[in-house]
């Protein structure tokens, strides 16, 4: 068991701004911190475990709202892995859509580059390559 940490110590441990930790408390990702007799926030091992989970979840692309949902499921005593699997499926679908959009954008850029090989064929007010309607 580690010693309780003040907010600055915990922030340094997780390479976060102390404001971030206060924000996480404000939105319910972290429970309200215990207080010292002097009124300073102090965090224990449970807070560290939860903060580690939050930072890892953010690393895999989960939003704070999604993380809150996972923690809420856990707080009810349920295992949130099925819920997480659904979130992962949604993220994968988003990635697939983005990949299709990027592939279409790549094709558009390749066509533009090809048209740029013959800029004399592209008339336009400023640059026919960009205005595209002026290129054959």
C-alpha atoms as a PDB file:
ATOM      1  CA  UNK A   1       0.000   0.000   0.000  1.00  0.00           C
ATOM      2  CA  UNK A   2       1.335   3.384  -1.013  1.00  0.00           C
ATOM      3  CA  UNK A   3       1.089   6.465   1.127  1.00  0.00           C
ATOM      4  CA  UNK A   4      -1.731   8.878   0.436  1.00  0.00           C
ATOM      5  CA  UNK A   5      -0.737  11.571  -2.030  1.00  0.00           C
ATOM      6  CA  UNK A   6      -1.698  15.201  -2.341  1.00  0.00           C
ATOM      7  CA  UNK A   7      -3.126  16.360  -5.638  1.00  0.00           C
ATOM      8  CA  UNK A   8       0.206  17.713  -6.913  1.00  0.00           C
ATOM      9  CA  UNK A   9       1.968  14.453  -6.127  1.00  0.00           C
ATOM     10  CA  UNK A  10      -0.743  12.391  -7.799  1.00  0.00           C
ATOM     11  CA  UNK A  11      -0.722  14.700 -10.817  1.00  0.00           C
ATOM     12  CA  UNK A  12       3.046  14.315 -11.153  1.00  0.00           C
ATOM     13  CA  UNK A  13       2.774  10.539 -10.792  1.00  0.00           C
ATOM     14  CA  UNK A  14       0.351  10.379 -13.735  1.00  0.00           C
ATOM     15  CA  UNK A  15       1.837  13.298 -15.677  1.00  0.00           C
ATOM     16  CA  UNK A  16      -1.395  15.267 -15.409  1.00  0.00           C
ATOM     17  CA  UNK A  17      -2.280  18.792 -14.461  1.00  0.00           C
ATOM     18  CA  UNK A  18      -3.852  19.013 -10.993  1.00  0.00           C
ATOM     19  CA  UNK A  19      -6.784  20.798 -12.663  1.00  0.00           C
ATOM     20  CA  UNK A  20      -7.437  17.634 -14.643  1.00  0.00           C
ATOM     21  CA  UNK A  21      -7.752  15.614 -11.468  1.00  0.00           C
ATOM     22  CA  UNK A  22     -10.108  18.201  -9.958  1.00  0.00           C
ATOM     23  CA  UNK A  23     -12.131  18.097 -13.191  1.00  0.00           C
ATOM     24  CA  UNK A  24     -12.330  14.307 -13.025  1.00  0.00           C
ATOM     25  CA  UNK A  25     -13.703  14.664  -9.499  1.00  0.00           C
ATOM     26  CA  UNK A  26     -16.157  17.330 -10.635  1.00  0.00           C
ATOM     27  CA  UNK A  27     -17.622  15.134 -13.393  1.00  0.00           C
ATOM     28  CA  UNK A  28     -17.674  12.009 -11.235  1.00  0.00           C
ATOM     29  CA  UNK A  29     -14.847  10.016 -12.774  1.00  0.00           C
ATOM     30  CA  UNK A  30     -13.050  10.140  -9.446  1.00  0.00           C
ATOM     31  CA  UNK A  31     -14.872  10.103  -6.113  1.00  0.00           C
ATOM     32  CA  UNK A  32     -14.479  13.225  -3.987  1.00  0.00           C
ATOM     33  CA  UNK A  33     -11.024  13.177  -2.454  1.00  0.00           C
ATOM     34  CA  UNK A  34     -10.462  12.682   1.208  1.00  0.00           C
ATOM     35  CA  UNK A  35      -9.142  15.690   3.067  1.00  0.00           C
ATOM     36  CA  UNK A  36      -6.325  16.168   5.508  1.00  0.00           C
ATOM     37  CA  UNK A  37      -6.921  18.031   8.740  1.00  0.00           C
ATOM     38  CA  UNK A  38      -5.527  21.064   6.945  1.00  0.00           C
ATOM     39  CA  UNK A  39      -8.112  20.717   4.155  1.00  0.00           C
ATOM     40  CA  UNK A  40      -5.760  19.412   1.471  1.00  0.00           C
ATOM     41  CA  UNK A  41      -7.033  16.716  -0.857  1.00  0.00           C
ATOM     42  CA  UNK A  42      -5.397  13.343  -0.423  1.00  0.00           C
ATOM     43  CA  UNK A  43      -5.694  10.296  -2.634  1.00  0.00           C
ATOM     44  CA  UNK A  44      -5.219   6.641  -1.778  1.00  0.00           C
ATOM     45  CA  UNK A  45      -4.471   3.467  -3.742  1.00  0.00           C
ATOM     46  CA  UNK A  46      -8.099   3.114  -4.934  1.00  0.00           C
ATOM     47  CA  UNK A  47      -7.840   6.586  -6.465  1.00  0.00           C
ATOM     48  CA  UNK A  48      -4.577   5.620  -8.143  1.00  0.00           C
ATOM     49  CA  UNK A  49      -6.162   2.460  -9.581  1.00  0.00           C
ATOM     50  CA  UNK A  50      -9.113   4.432 -10.920  1.00  0.00           C
ATOM     51  CA  UNK A  51      -6.903   7.185 -12.343  1.00  0.00           C
ATOM     52  CA  UNK A  52      -4.699   4.565 -14.015  1.00  0.00           C
ATOM     53  CA  UNK A  53      -7.810   3.022 -15.572  1.00  0.00           C
ATOM     54  CA  UNK A  54      -8.986   6.434 -16.805  1.00  0.00           C
ATOM     55  CA  UNK A  55      -5.628   7.223 -18.430  1.00  0.00           C
ATOM     56  CA  UNK A  56      -5.448   3.763 -20.043  1.00  0.00           C
ATOM     57  CA  UNK A  57      -9.016   4.066 -21.333  1.00  0.00           C
ATOM     58  CA  UNK A  58      -8.219   7.442 -22.858  1.00  0.00           C
ATOM     59  CA  UNK A  59      -5.181   5.884 -24.546  1.00  0.00           C
ATOM     60  CA  UNK A  60      -7.436   3.468 -26.444  1.00  0.00           C
ATOM     61  CA  UNK A  61      -9.626   6.337 -27.615  1.00  0.00           C
ATOM     62  CA  UNK A  62     -12.485   6.241 -25.140  1.00  0.00           C
ATOM     63  CA  UNK A  63     -14.123   9.550 -24.297  1.00  0.00           C
ATOM     64  CA  UNK A  64     -14.634  10.743 -20.745  1.00  0.00           C
ATOM     65  CA  UNK A  65     -18.370  10.049 -21.093  1.00  0.00           C
ATOM     66  CA  UNK A  66     -17.662   6.510 -22.258  1.00  0.00           C
ATOM     67  CA  UNK A  67     -15.232   6.010 -19.373  1.00  0.00           C
ATOM     68  CA  UNK A  68     -17.858   7.331 -16.958  1.00  0.00           C
ATOM     69  CA  UNK A  69     -20.332   4.794 -18.358  1.00  0.00           C
ATOM     70  CA  UNK A  70     -17.856   1.959 -17.803  1.00  0.00           C
ATOM     71  CA  UNK A  71     -17.186   3.093 -14.251  1.00  0.00           C
ATOM     72  CA  UNK A  72     -20.935   3.393 -13.599  1.00  0.00           C
ATOM     73  CA  UNK A  73     -21.446  -0.216 -14.724  1.00  0.00           C
ATOM     74  CA  UNK A  74     -18.630  -1.299 -12.415  1.00  0.00           C
ATOM     75  CA  UNK A  75     -20.046   0.743  -9.518  1.00  0.00           C
ATOM     76  CA  UNK A  76     -23.324  -1.198  -9.880  1.00  0.00           C
ATOM     77  CA  UNK A  77     -21.312  -4.343  -9.235  1.00  0.00           C
ATOM     78  CA  UNK A  78     -21.396  -5.609 -12.821  1.00  0.00           C
ATOM     79  CA  UNK A  79     -18.415  -6.496 -14.953  1.00  0.00           C
ATOM     80  CA  UNK A  80     -18.265  -3.877 -17.697  1.00  0.00           C
ATOM     81  CA  UNK A  81     -16.408  -5.959 -20.273  1.00  0.00           C
ATOM     82  CA  UNK A  82     -19.509  -6.577 -22.427  1.00  0.00           C
ATOM     83  CA  UNK A  83     -20.215  -2.846 -22.360  1.00  0.00           C
ATOM     84  CA  UNK A  84     -16.582  -2.152 -23.302  1.00  0.00           C
ATOM     85  CA  UNK A  85     -16.809  -4.647 -26.189  1.00  0.00           C
ATOM     86  CA  UNK A  86     -19.753  -2.669 -27.572  1.00  0.00           C
ATOM     87  CA  UNK A  87     -17.771   0.563 -27.303  1.00  0.00           C
ATOM     88  CA  UNK A  88     -14.835  -1.087 -29.082  1.00  0.00           C
ATOM     89  CA  UNK A  89     -17.152  -2.254 -31.868  1.00  0.00           C
ATOM     90  CA  UNK A  90     -18.402   1.328 -32.265  1.00  0.00           C
ATOM     91  CA  UNK A  91     -14.812   2.647 -32.348  1.00  0.00           C
ATOM     92  CA  UNK A  92     -13.863   0.069 -34.976  1.00  0.00           C
ATOM     93  CA  UNK A  93     -16.843   1.067 -37.130  1.00  0.00           C
ATOM     94  CA  UNK A  94     -15.753   4.709 -36.831  1.00  0.00           C
ATOM     95  CA  UNK A  95     -12.207   3.797 -37.838  1.00  0.00           C
ATOM     96  CA  UNK A  96     -13.515   1.862 -40.854  1.00  0.00           C
ATOM     97  CA  UNK A  97     -15.581   4.898 -41.942  1.00  0.00           C
ATOM     98  CA  UNK A  98     -12.571   7.156 -41.516  1.00  0.00           C
ATOM     99  CA  UNK A  99     -10.389   4.773 -43.518  1.00  0.00           C
ATOM    100  CA  UNK A 100     -12.921   4.754 -46.377  1.00  0.00           C
ATOM    101  CA  UNK A 101     -13.069   8.566 -46.303  1.00  0.00           C
ATOM    102  CA  UNK A 102      -9.266   8.765 -46.302  1.00  0.00           C
ATOM    103  CA  UNK A 103      -9.040   6.323 -49.210  1.00  0.00           C
ATOM    104  CA  UNK A 104     -11.486   8.466 -51.211  1.00  0.00           C
ATOM    105  CA  UNK A 105      -9.516  11.595 -50.306  1.00  0.00           C
ATOM    106  CA  UNK A 106      -6.283   9.856 -51.375  1.00  0.00           C
ATOM    107  CA  UNK A 107      -7.816   9.049 -54.754  1.00  0.00           C
ATOM    108  CA  UNK A 108      -8.863  12.670 -55.160  1.00  0.00           C
ATOM    109  CA  UNK A 109      -5.344  13.855 -54.371  1.00  0.00           C
ATOM    110  CA  UNK A 110      -3.847  11.332 -56.800  1.00  0.00           C
ATOM    111  CA  UNK A 111      -6.160  12.622 -59.529  1.00  0.00           C
ATOM    112  CA  UNK A 112      -5.155  16.185 -58.691  1.00  0.00           C
ATOM    113  CA  UNK A 113      -1.488  15.265 -58.849  1.00  0.00           C
ATOM    114  CA  UNK A 114      -2.041  13.604 -62.224  1.00  0.00           C
ATOM    115  CA  UNK A 115      -3.788  16.732 -63.524  1.00  0.00           C
ATOM    116  CA  UNK A 116      -0.844  18.777 -62.254  1.00  0.00           C
ATOM    117  CA  UNK A 117       1.411  16.999 -64.756  1.00  0.00           C
ATOM    118  CA  UNK A 118      -0.299  19.094 -67.438  1.00  0.00           C
ATOM    119  CA  UNK A 119      -1.174  22.394 -65.752  1.00  0.00           C
ATOM    120  CA  UNK A 120      -1.523  24.073 -69.141  1.00  0.00           C
ATOM    121  CA  UNK A 121      -4.717  22.047 -69.640  1.00  0.00           C
ATOM    122  CA  UNK A 122      -6.250  23.537 -66.504  1.00  0.00           C
ATOM    123  CA  UNK A 123      -7.618  27.009 -66.906  1.00  0.00           C
ATOM    124  CA  UNK A 124      -9.175  28.775 -63.970  1.00  0.00           C
ATOM    125  CA  UNK A 125      -9.625  32.076 -62.239  1.00  0.00           C
ATOM    126  CA  UNK A 126      -6.845  31.340 -59.775  1.00  0.00           C
ATOM    127  CA  UNK A 127      -5.636  27.773 -60.270  1.00  0.00           C
ATOM    128  CA  UNK A 128      -7.559  25.322 -62.391  1.00  0.00           C
ATOM    129  CA  UNK A 129      -5.989  22.423 -60.506  1.00  0.00           C
ATOM    130  CA  UNK A 130      -7.862  23.454 -57.397  1.00  0.00           C
ATOM    131  CA  UNK A 131     -10.964  24.663 -59.182  1.00  0.00           C
ATOM    132  CA  UNK A 132     -10.963  21.278 -60.972  1.00  0.00           C
ATOM    133  CA  UNK A 133     -13.930  22.090 -63.136  1.00  0.00           C
ATOM    134  CA  UNK A 134     -11.518  23.748 -65.533  1.00  0.00           C
ATOM    135  CA  UNK A 135      -9.379  20.640 -66.064  1.00  0.00           C
ATOM    136  CA  UNK A 136     -10.301  18.149 -68.763  1.00  0.00           C
END
